[in-house]
PDB file of all heavy atoms in Angstrom:
ATOM      1  N   GLY A   1       0.822  -1.217   0.000  1.00  0.00           N
ATOM      2  CA  GLY A   1       0.000   0.000   0.000  1.00  0.00           C
ATOM      3  C   GLY A   1       0.845   1.251   0.000  1.00  0.00           C
ATOM      4  O   GLY A   1       0.559   2.231  -0.704  1.00  0.00           O
ATOM      5  N   ALA A   2       1.891   1.243   0.816  1.00  0.00           N
ATOM      6  CA  ALA A   2       2.775   2.408   0.874  1.00  0.00           C
ATOM      7  C   ALA A   2       3.476   2.619  -0.465  1.00  0.00           C
ATOM      8  O   ALA A   2       3.597   3.749  -0.964  1.00  0.00           O
ATOM      9  CB  ALA A   2       3.796   2.239   1.994  1.00  0.00           C
ATOM     10  N   LEU A   3       3.935   1.542  -1.072  1.00  0.00           N
ATOM     11  CA  LEU A   3       4.615   1.626  -2.359  1.00  0.00           C
ATOM     12  C   LEU A   3       3.668   2.124  -3.442  1.00  0.00           C
ATOM     13  O   LEU A   3       4.022   2.989  -4.250  1.00  0.00           O
ATOM     14  CB  LEU A   3       5.191   0.261  -2.735  1.00  0.00           C
ATOM     15  CG  LEU A   3       6.008   0.190  -4.018  1.00  0.00           C
ATOM     16  CD1 LEU A   3       7.177   1.166  -3.953  1.00  0.00           C
ATOM     17  CD2 LEU A   3       6.502  -1.213  -4.260  1.00  0.00           C
ATOM     18  N   ALA A   4       2.446   1.625  -3.431  1.00  0.00           N
ATOM     19  CA  ALA A   4       1.461   2.076  -4.417  1.00  0.00           C
ATOM     20  C   ALA A   4       1.158   3.549  -4.243  1.00  0.00           C
ATOM     21  O   ALA A   4       1.012   4.299  -5.217  1.00  0.00           O
ATOM     22  CB  ALA A   4       0.187   1.248  -4.296  1.00  0.00           C
ATOM     23  N   GLY A   5       1.081   4.008  -3.017  1.00  0.00           N
ATOM     24  CA  GLY A   5       0.828   5.431  -2.769  1.00  0.00           C
ATOM     25  C   GLY A   5       1.956   6.305  -3.259  1.00  0.00           C
ATOM     26  O   GLY A   5       1.741   7.367  -3.852  1.00  0.00           O
ATOM     27  N   VAL A   6       3.187   5.883  -3.020  1.00  0.00           N
ATOM     28  CA  VAL A   6       4.341   6.655  -3.482  1.00  0.00           C
ATOM     29  C   VAL A   6       4.377   6.704  -5.001  1.00  0.00           C
ATOM     30  O   VAL A   6       4.585   7.760  -5.607  1.00  0.00           O
ATOM     31  CB  VAL A   6       5.654   6.060  -2.918  1.00  0.00           C
ATOM     32  CG1 VAL A   6       6.864   6.643  -3.612  1.00  0.00           C
ATOM     33  CG2 VAL A   6       5.726   6.275  -1.428  1.00  0.00           C
ATOM     34  N   LEU A   7       4.144   5.562  -5.620  1.00  0.00           N
ATOM     35  CA  LEU A   7       4.175   5.522  -7.083  1.00  0.00           C
ATOM     36  C   LEU A   7       3.038   6.337  -7.687  1.00  0.00           C
ATOM     37  O   LEU A   7       3.220   7.007  -8.702  1.00  0.00           O
ATOM     38  CB  LEU A   7       4.116   4.082  -7.589  1.00  0.00           C
ATOM     39  CG  LEU A   7       5.355   3.240  -7.313  1.00  0.00           C
ATOM     40  CD1 LEU A   7       5.122   1.798  -7.761  1.00  0.00           C
ATOM     41  CD2 LEU A   7       6.574   3.816  -7.985  1.00  0.00           C
ATOM     42  N   ALA A   8       1.885   6.291  -7.082  1.00  0.00           N
ATOM     43  CA  ALA A   8       0.742   7.021  -7.625  1.00  0.00           C
ATOM     44  C   ALA A   8       0.933   8.526  -7.524  1.00  0.00           C
ATOM     45  O   ALA A   8       0.530   9.278  -8.403  1.00  0.00           O
ATOM     46  CB  ALA A   8      -0.535   6.614  -6.901  1.00  0.00           C
ATOM     47  N   THR A   9       1.554   8.982  -6.495  1.00  0.00           N
ATOM     48  CA  THR A   9       1.727  10.428  -6.336  1.00  0.00           C
ATOM     49  C   THR A   9       3.067  10.914  -6.842  1.00  0.00           C
ATOM     50  O   THR A   9       3.207  12.069  -7.210  1.00  0.00           O
ATOM     51  CB  THR A   9       1.585  10.837  -4.860  1.00  0.00           C
ATOM     52  OG1 THR A   9       2.578  10.152  -4.093  1.00  0.00           O
ATOM     53  CG2 THR A   9       0.208  10.537  -4.337  1.00  0.00           C
ATOM     54  N   GLY A  10       4.043  10.044  -6.908  1.00  0.00           N
ATOM     55  CA  GLY A  10       5.383  10.485  -7.284  1.00  0.00           C
ATOM     56  C   GLY A  10       5.662  10.408  -8.770  1.00  0.00           C
ATOM     57  O   GLY A  10       6.499  11.131  -9.282  1.00  0.00           O
ATOM     58  N   CYS A  11       5.004   9.549  -9.494  1.00  0.00           N
ATOM     59  CA  CYS A  11       5.271   9.389 -10.921  1.00  0.00           C
ATOM     60  C   CYS A  11       4.349  10.285 -11.726  1.00  0.00           C
ATOM     61  O   CYS A  11       3.155  10.334 -11.490  1.00  0.00           O
ATOM     62  CB  CYS A  11       5.054   7.940 -11.357  1.00  0.00           C
ATOM     63  SG  CYS A  11       6.320   6.837 -10.713  1.00  0.00           S
ATOM     64  N   GLY A  12       4.900  10.954 -12.660  1.00  0.00           N
ATOM     65  CA  GLY A  12       4.106  11.773 -13.558  1.00  0.00           C
ATOM     66  C   GLY A  12       3.839  13.158 -13.034  1.00  0.00           C
ATOM     67  O   GLY A  12       3.427  14.028 -13.770  1.00  0.00           O
ATOM     68  N   ALA A  13       4.068  13.418 -11.782  1.00  0.00           N
ATOM     69  CA  ALA A  13       3.836  14.760 -11.252  1.00  0.00           C
ATOM     70  C   ALA A  13       5.072  15.594 -11.538  1.00  0.00           C
ATOM     71  O   ALA A  13       6.186  15.166 -11.255  1.00  0.00           O
ATOM     72  CB  ALA A  13       3.553  14.709  -9.765  1.00  0.00           C
ATOM     73  N   PRO A  14       4.908  16.783 -12.090  1.00  0.00           N
ATOM     74  CA  PRO A  14       6.081  17.595 -12.391  1.00  0.00           C
ATOM     75  C   PRO A  14       6.737  18.079 -11.112  1.00  0.00           C
ATOM     76  O   PRO A  14       6.074  18.350 -10.117  1.00  0.00           O
ATOM     77  CB  PRO A  14       5.523  18.764 -13.197  1.00  0.00           C
ATOM     78  CG  PRO A  14       4.068  18.816 -12.866  1.00  0.00           C
ATOM     79  CD  PRO A  14       3.676  17.427 -12.489  1.00  0.00           C
ATOM     80  N   ALA A  15       8.035  18.152 -11.153  1.00  0.00           N
ATOM     81  CA  ALA A  15       8.782  18.670 -10.012  1.00  0.00           C
ATOM     82  C   ALA A  15       8.610  20.177  -9.961  1.00  0.00           C
ATOM     83  O   ALA A  15       8.473  20.845 -10.973  1.00  0.00           O
ATOM     84  CB  ALA A  15      10.256  18.302 -10.158  1.00  0.00           C
ATOM     85  N   ALA A  16       8.652  20.697  -8.777  1.00  0.00           N
ATOM     86  CA  ALA A  16       8.511  22.148  -8.612  1.00  0.00           C
ATOM     87  C   ALA A  16       9.849  22.795  -8.915  1.00  0.00           C
ATOM     88  O   ALA A  16      10.777  22.722  -8.124  1.00  0.00           O
ATOM     89  CB  ALA A  16       8.058  22.478  -7.200  1.00  0.00           C
ATOM     90  N   THR A  17       9.976  23.391 -10.094  1.00  0.00           N
ATOM     91  CA  THR A  17      11.230  24.024 -10.485  1.00  0.00           C
ATOM     92  C   THR A  17      11.107  25.525 -10.571  1.00  0.00           C
ATOM     93  O   THR A  17      12.074  26.208 -10.842  1.00  0.00           O
ATOM     94  CB  THR A  17      11.695  23.501 -11.852  1.00  0.00           C
ATOM     95  OG1 THR A  17      10.699  23.838 -12.818  1.00  0.00           O
ATOM     96  CG2 THR A  17      11.913  22.001 -11.830  1.00  0.00           C
ATOM     97  N   GLY A  18       9.926  26.021 -10.403  1.00  0.00           N
ATOM     98  CA  GLY A  18       9.726  27.455 -10.540  1.00  0.00           C
ATOM     99  C   GLY A  18       9.361  27.835 -11.969  1.00  0.00           C
ATOM    100  O   GLY A  18       8.882  28.910 -12.227  1.00  0.00           O
ATOM    101  N   ALA A  19       9.630  26.952 -12.903  1.00  0.00           N
ATOM    102  CA  ALA A  19       9.295  27.225 -14.306  1.00  0.00           C
ATOM    103  C   ALA A  19       7.929  26.630 -14.609  1.00  0.00           C
ATOM    104  O   ALA A  19       7.415  25.807 -13.862  1.00  0.00           O
ATOM    105  CB  ALA A  19      10.347  26.610 -15.224  1.00  0.00           C
ATOM    106  N   ASP A  20       7.372  27.037 -15.686  1.00  0.00           N
ATOM    107  CA  ASP A  20       6.086  26.495 -16.096  1.00  0.00           C
ATOM    108  C   ASP A  20       6.319  25.105 -16.665  1.00  0.00           C
ATOM    109  O   ASP A  20       6.789  24.950 -17.780  1.00  0.00           O
ATOM    110  CB  ASP A  20       5.456  27.411 -17.159  1.00  0.00           C
ATOM    111  CG  ASP A  20       4.091  26.908 -17.600  1.00  0.00           C
ATOM    112  OD1 ASP A  20       3.519  26.047 -16.916  1.00  0.00           O
ATOM    113  OD2 ASP A  20       3.607  27.396 -18.633  1.00  0.00           O
ATOM    114  N   ASP A  21       6.045  24.091 -15.868  1.00  0.00           N
ATOM    115  CA  ASP A  21       6.291  22.713 -16.267  1.00  0.00           C
ATOM    116  C   ASP A  21       5.076  22.059 -16.895  1.00  0.00           C
ATOM    117  O   ASP A  21       5.088  20.874 -17.158  1.00  0.00           O
ATOM    118  CB  ASP A  21       6.719  21.878 -15.055  1.00  0.00           C
ATOM    119  CG  ASP A  21       8.122  22.235 -14.613  1.00  0.00           C
ATOM    120  OD1 ASP A  21       8.901  22.694 -15.463  1.00  0.00           O
ATOM    121  OD2 ASP A  21       8.426  22.056 -13.425  1.00  0.00           O
ATOM    122  N   THR A  22       4.023  22.791 -17.093  1.00  0.00           N
ATOM    123  CA  THR A  22       2.828  22.179 -17.653  1.00  0.00           C
ATOM    124  C   THR A  22       3.049  21.883 -19.118  1.00  0.00           C
ATOM    125  O   THR A  22       3.689  22.636 -19.840  1.00  0.00           O
ATOM    126  CB  THR A  22       1.607  23.098 -17.487  1.00  0.00           C
ATOM    127  OG1 THR A  22       1.881  24.327 -18.155  1.00  0.00           O
ATOM    128  CG2 THR A  22       1.292  23.344 -16.028  1.00  0.00           C
ATOM    129  N   HIS A  23       2.545  20.776 -19.528  1.00  0.00           N
ATOM    130  CA  HIS A  23       2.651  20.376 -20.933  1.00  0.00           C
ATOM    131  C   HIS A  23       1.323  20.667 -21.594  1.00  0.00           C
ATOM    132  O   HIS A  23       0.293  20.169 -21.169  1.00  0.00           O
ATOM    133  CB  HIS A  23       2.996  18.887 -21.044  1.00  0.00           C
ATOM    134  CG  HIS A  23       4.302  18.553 -20.416  1.00  0.00           C
ATOM    135  ND1 HIS A  23       5.495  18.951 -20.949  1.00  0.00           N
ATOM    136  CD2 HIS A  23       4.600  17.887 -19.283  1.00  0.00           C
ATOM    137  CE1 HIS A  23       6.477  18.532 -20.177  1.00  0.00           C
ATOM    138  NE2 HIS A  23       5.964  17.879 -19.155  1.00  0.00           N
ATOM    139  N   THR A  24       1.362  21.475 -22.596  1.00  0.00           N
ATOM    140  CA  THR A  24       0.142  21.798 -23.308  1.00  0.00           C
ATOM    141  C   THR A  24       0.298  21.402 -24.761  1.00  0.00           C
ATOM    142  O   THR A  24       1.394  21.332 -25.289  1.00  0.00           O
ATOM    143  CB  THR A  24      -0.176  23.307 -23.233  1.00  0.00           C
ATOM    144  OG1 THR A  24       0.921  24.019 -23.811  1.00  0.00           O
ATOM    145  CG2 THR A  24      -0.394  23.756 -21.806  1.00  0.00           C
ATOM    146  N   THR A  25      -0.796  21.157 -25.381  1.00  0.00           N
ATOM    147  CA  THR A  25      -0.797  20.840 -26.796  1.00  0.00           C
ATOM    148  C   THR A  25      -0.608  22.137 -27.570  1.00  0.00           C
ATOM    149  O   THR A  25      -1.282  23.125 -27.293  1.00  0.00           O
ATOM    150  CB  THR A  25      -2.137  20.192 -27.192  1.00  0.00           C
ATOM    151  OG1 THR A  25      -2.339  19.052 -26.373  1.00  0.00           O
ATOM    152  CG2 THR A  25      -2.142  19.801 -28.646  1.00  0.00           C
ATOM    153  N   PRO A  26       0.344  22.166 -28.497  1.00  0.00           N
ATOM    154  CA  PRO A  26       0.547  23.403 -29.260  1.00  0.00           C
ATOM    155  C   PRO A  26      -0.681  23.719 -30.101  1.00  0.00           C
ATOM    156  O   PRO A  26      -1.432  22.815 -30.471  1.00  0.00           O
ATOM    157  CB  PRO A  26       1.757  23.092 -30.138  1.00  0.00           C
ATOM    158  CG  PRO A  26       1.826  21.614 -30.205  1.00  0.00           C
ATOM    159  CD  PRO A  26       1.195  21.091 -28.942  1.00  0.00           C
ATOM    160  N   PRO A  27      -0.861  24.985 -30.395  1.00  0.00           N
ATOM    161  CA  PRO A  27      -2.006  25.340 -31.234  1.00  0.00           C
ATOM    162  C   PRO A  27      -1.839  24.722 -32.615  1.00  0.00           C
ATOM    163  O   PRO A  27      -0.728  24.435 -33.045  1.00  0.00           O
ATOM    164  CB  PRO A  27      -1.943  26.867 -31.307  1.00  0.00           C
ATOM    165  CG  PRO A  27      -0.541  27.216 -30.965  1.00  0.00           C
ATOM    166  CD  PRO A  27      -0.041  26.127 -30.065  1.00  0.00           C
ATOM    167  N   PRO A  28      -2.924  24.500 -33.305  1.00  0.00           N
ATOM    168  CA  PRO A  28      -2.811  23.908 -34.638  1.00  0.00           C
ATOM    169  C   PRO A  28      -1.963  24.804 -35.543  1.00  0.00           C
ATOM    170  O   PRO A  28      -2.068  26.024 -35.500  1.00  0.00           O
ATOM    171  CB  PRO A  28      -4.249  23.812 -35.132  1.00  0.00           C
ATOM    172  CG  PRO A  28      -5.090  24.577 -34.184  1.00  0.00           C
ATOM    173  CD  PRO A  28      -4.287  24.823 -32.946  1.00  0.00           C
ATOM    174  N   ALA A  29      -1.128  24.174 -36.296  1.00  0.00           N
ATOM    175  CA  ALA A  29      -0.235  24.919 -37.189  1.00  0.00           C
ATOM    176  C   ALA A  29      -1.035  25.513 -38.337  1.00  0.00           C
ATOM    177  O   ALA A  29      -1.946  24.898 -38.873  1.00  0.00           O
ATOM    178  CB  ALA A  29       0.846  23.991 -37.739  1.00  0.00           C
ATOM    179  N   THR A  30      -0.650  26.718 -38.686  1.00  0.00           N
ATOM    180  CA  THR A  30      -1.263  27.317 -39.858  1.00  0.00           C
ATOM    181  C   THR A  30      -0.586  26.726 -41.079  1.00  0.00           C
ATOM    182  O   THR A  30       0.551  26.281 -41.013  1.00  0.00           O
ATOM    183  CB  THR A  30      -1.088  28.851 -39.854  1.00  0.00           C
ATOM    184  OG1 THR A  30       0.306  29.141 -39.806  1.00  0.00           O
ATOM    185  CG2 THR A  30      -1.789  29.471 -38.667  1.00  0.00           C
ATOM    186  N   SER A  31      -1.273  26.716 -42.160  1.00  0.00           N
ATOM    187  CA  SER A  31      -0.687  26.130 -43.355  1.00  0.00           C
ATOM    188  C   SER A  31       0.476  27.004 -43.818  1.00  0.00           C
ATOM    189  O   SER A  31       0.397  28.227 -43.796  1.00  0.00           O
ATOM    190  CB  SER A  31      -1.738  25.987 -44.446  1.00  0.00           C
ATOM    191  OG  SER A  31      -2.378  27.211 -44.673  1.00  0.00           O
ATOM    192  N   PRO A  32       1.575  26.368 -44.189  1.00  0.00           N
ATOM    193  CA  PRO A  32       2.754  27.129 -44.613  1.00  0.00           C
ATOM    194  C   PRO A  32       2.471  27.882 -45.913  1.00  0.00           C
ATOM    195  O   PRO A  32       1.590  27.530 -46.674  1.00  0.00           O
ATOM    196  CB  PRO A  32       3.824  26.058 -44.817  1.00  0.00           C
ATOM    197  CG  PRO A  32       3.067  24.799 -45.049  1.00  0.00           C
ATOM    198  CD  PRO A  32       1.768  24.938 -44.298  1.00  0.00           C
ATOM    199  N   ALA A  33       3.263  28.909 -46.107  1.00  0.00           N
ATOM    200  CA  ALA A  33       3.134  29.679 -47.339  1.00  0.00           C
ATOM    201  C   ALA A  33       3.490  28.778 -48.521  1.00  0.00           C
ATOM    202  O   ALA A  33       4.337  27.903 -48.402  1.00  0.00           O
ATOM    203  CB  ALA A  33       4.071  30.879 -47.307  1.00  0.00           C
ATOM    204  N   PRO A  34       2.835  28.967 -49.635  1.00  0.00           N
ATOM    205  CA  PRO A  34       3.173  28.136 -50.797  1.00  0.00           C
ATOM    206  C   PRO A  34       4.602  28.430 -51.239  1.00  0.00           C
ATOM    207  O   PRO A  34       5.109  29.543 -51.034  1.00  0.00           O
ATOM    208  CB  PRO A  34       2.162  28.581 -51.855  1.00  0.00           C
ATOM    209  CG  PRO A  34       1.694  29.922 -51.415  1.00  0.00           C
ATOM    210  CD  PRO A  34       1.817  29.955 -49.929  1.00  0.00           C
ATOM    211  N   PRO A  35       5.273  27.450 -51.798  1.00  0.00           N
ATOM    212  CA  PRO A  35       6.652  27.676 -52.234  1.00  0.00           C
ATOM    213  C   PRO A  35       6.704  28.736 -53.334  1.00  0.00           C
ATOM    214  O   PRO A  35       5.766  28.900 -54.098  1.00  0.00           O
ATOM    215  CB  PRO A  35       7.105  26.316 -52.755  1.00  0.00           C
ATOM    216  CG  PRO A  35       5.852  25.557 -53.022  1.00  0.00           C
ATOM    217  CD  PRO A  35       4.792  26.120 -52.124  1.00  0.00           C
ATOM    218  N   ALA A  36       7.816  29.437 -53.362  1.00  0.00           N
ATOM    219  CA  ALA A  36       8.005  30.471 -54.377  1.00  0.00           C
ATOM    220  C   ALA A  36       8.128  29.804 -55.748  1.00  0.00           C
ATOM    221  O   ALA A  36       8.666  28.707 -55.861  1.00  0.00           O
ATOM    222  CB  ALA A  36       9.254  31.277 -54.077  1.00  0.00           C
ATOM    223  N   PRO A  37       7.639  30.475 -56.773  1.00  0.00           N
ATOM    224  CA  PRO A  37       7.794  29.921 -58.123  1.00  0.00           C
ATOM    225  C   PRO A  37       9.281  29.770 -58.464  1.00  0.00           C
ATOM    226  O   PRO A  37      10.112  30.551 -57.996  1.00  0.00           O
ATOM    227  CB  PRO A  37       7.136  30.971 -59.024  1.00  0.00           C
ATOM    228  CG  PRO A  37       6.284  31.794 -58.133  1.00  0.00           C
ATOM    229  CD  PRO A  37       6.903  31.726 -56.774  1.00  0.00           C
ATOM    230  N   PRO A  38       9.626  28.778 -59.272  1.00  0.00           N
ATOM    231  CA  PRO A  38      11.042  28.531 -59.567  1.00  0.00           C
ATOM    232  C   PRO A  38      11.741  29.723 -60.212  1.00  0.00           C
ATOM    233  O   PRO A  38      12.923  29.954 -59.964  1.00  0.00           O
ATOM    234  CB  PRO A  38      11.028  27.317 -60.492  1.00  0.00           C
ATOM    235  CG  PRO A  38       9.625  27.173 -60.952  1.00  0.00           C
ATOM    236  CD  PRO A  38       8.753  27.839 -59.956  1.00  0.00           C
ATOM    237  N   GLU A  39      11.019  30.513 -61.009  1.00  0.00           N
ATOM    238  CA  GLU A  39      11.691  31.661 -61.626  1.00  0.00           C
ATOM    239  C   GLU A  39      12.049  32.732 -60.593  1.00  0.00           C
ATOM    240  O   GLU A  39      13.023  33.461 -60.765  1.00  0.00           O
ATOM    241  CB  GLU A  39      10.871  32.252 -62.775  1.00  0.00           C
ATOM    242  CG  GLU A  39       9.487  32.713 -62.423  1.00  0.00           C
ATOM    243  CD  GLU A  39       8.432  31.627 -62.517  1.00  0.00           C
ATOM    244  OE1 GLU A  39       8.752  30.442 -62.687  1.00  0.00           O
ATOM    245  OE2 GLU A  39       7.250  31.992 -62.412  1.00  0.00           O
ATOM    246  N   ASP A  40      11.282  32.818 -59.489  1.00  0.00           N
ATOM    247  CA  ASP A  40      11.626  33.752 -58.416  1.00  0.00           C
ATOM    248  C   ASP A  40      12.885  33.302 -57.693  1.00  0.00           C
ATOM    249  O   ASP A  40      13.767  34.111 -57.387  1.00  0.00           O
ATOM    250  CB  ASP A  40      10.484  33.884 -57.404  1.00  0.00           C
ATOM    251  CG  ASP A  40       9.271  34.614 -57.959  1.00  0.00           C
ATOM    252  OD1 ASP A  40       9.358  35.146 -59.091  1.00  0.00           O
ATOM    253  OD2 ASP A  40       8.238  34.638 -57.265  1.00  0.00           O
ATOM    254  N   LEU A  41      12.968  32.011 -57.408  1.00  0.00           N
ATOM    255  CA  LEU A  41      14.167  31.483 -56.748  1.00  0.00           C
ATOM    256  C   LEU A  41      15.383  31.629 -57.649  1.00  0.00           C
ATOM    257  O   LEU A  41      16.464  32.009 -57.192  1.00  0.00           O
ATOM    258  CB  LEU A  41      13.952  30.021 -56.359  1.00  0.00           C
ATOM    259  CG  LEU A  41      12.831  29.762 -55.366  1.00  0.00           C
ATOM    260  CD1 LEU A  41      12.633  28.270 -55.167  1.00  0.00           C
ATOM    261  CD2 LEU A  41      13.117  30.443 -54.042  1.00  0.00           C
ATOM    262  N   CYS A  42      15.208  31.339 -58.917  1.00  0.00           N
ATOM    263  CA  CYS A  42      16.289  31.497 -59.888  1.00  0.00           C
ATOM    264  C   CYS A  42      16.770  32.942 -59.906  1.00  0.00           C
ATOM    265  O   CYS A  42      17.970  33.204 -59.865  1.00  0.00           O
ATOM    266  CB  CYS A  42      15.796  31.063 -61.267  1.00  0.00           C
ATOM    267  SG  CYS A  42      16.927  31.399 -62.637  1.00  0.00           S
ATOM    268  N   THR A  43      15.832  33.875 -59.937  1.00  0.00           N
ATOM    269  CA  THR A  43      16.186  35.295 -59.983  1.00  0.00           C
ATOM    270  C   THR A  43      17.011  35.686 -58.770  1.00  0.00           C
ATOM    271  O   THR A  43      18.027  36.380 -58.891  1.00  0.00           O
ATOM    272  CB  THR A  43      14.911  36.163 -60.067  1.00  0.00           C
ATOM    273  OG1 THR A  43      14.208  35.826 -61.262  1.00  0.00           O
ATOM    274  CG2 THR A  43      15.238  37.638 -60.066  1.00  0.00           C
ATOM    275  N   ARG A  44      16.580  35.231 -57.600  1.00  0.00           N
ATOM    276  CA  ARG A  44      17.299  35.588 -56.372  1.00  0.00           C
ATOM    277  C   ARG A  44      18.718  35.056 -56.373  1.00  0.00           C
ATOM    278  O   ARG A  44      19.662  35.761 -56.045  1.00  0.00           O
ATOM    279  CB  ARG A  44      16.543  35.070 -55.158  1.00  0.00           C
ATOM    280  CG  ARG A  44      15.304  35.886 -54.852  1.00  0.00           C
ATOM    281  CD  ARG A  44      14.498  35.378 -53.689  1.00  0.00           C
ATOM    282  NE  ARG A  44      15.291  34.978 -52.551  1.00  0.00           N
ATOM    283  CZ  ARG A  44      14.881  34.124 -51.633  1.00  0.00           C
ATOM    284  NH1 ARG A  44      13.685  33.584 -51.720  1.00  0.00           N
ATOM    285  NH2 ARG A  44      15.658  33.808 -50.619  1.00  0.00           N
TER     286      ARG A  44
END
């Protein structure tokens, strides 16, 4: 029982480091800009 209690509370809980340790899902990525036409890249 003691071991189960330690494992249940000790595993997966972030350590207190003073930093924001929360894990959040990043916002959905916006679609990237379309690639430049080859003649634009050639020109550059």
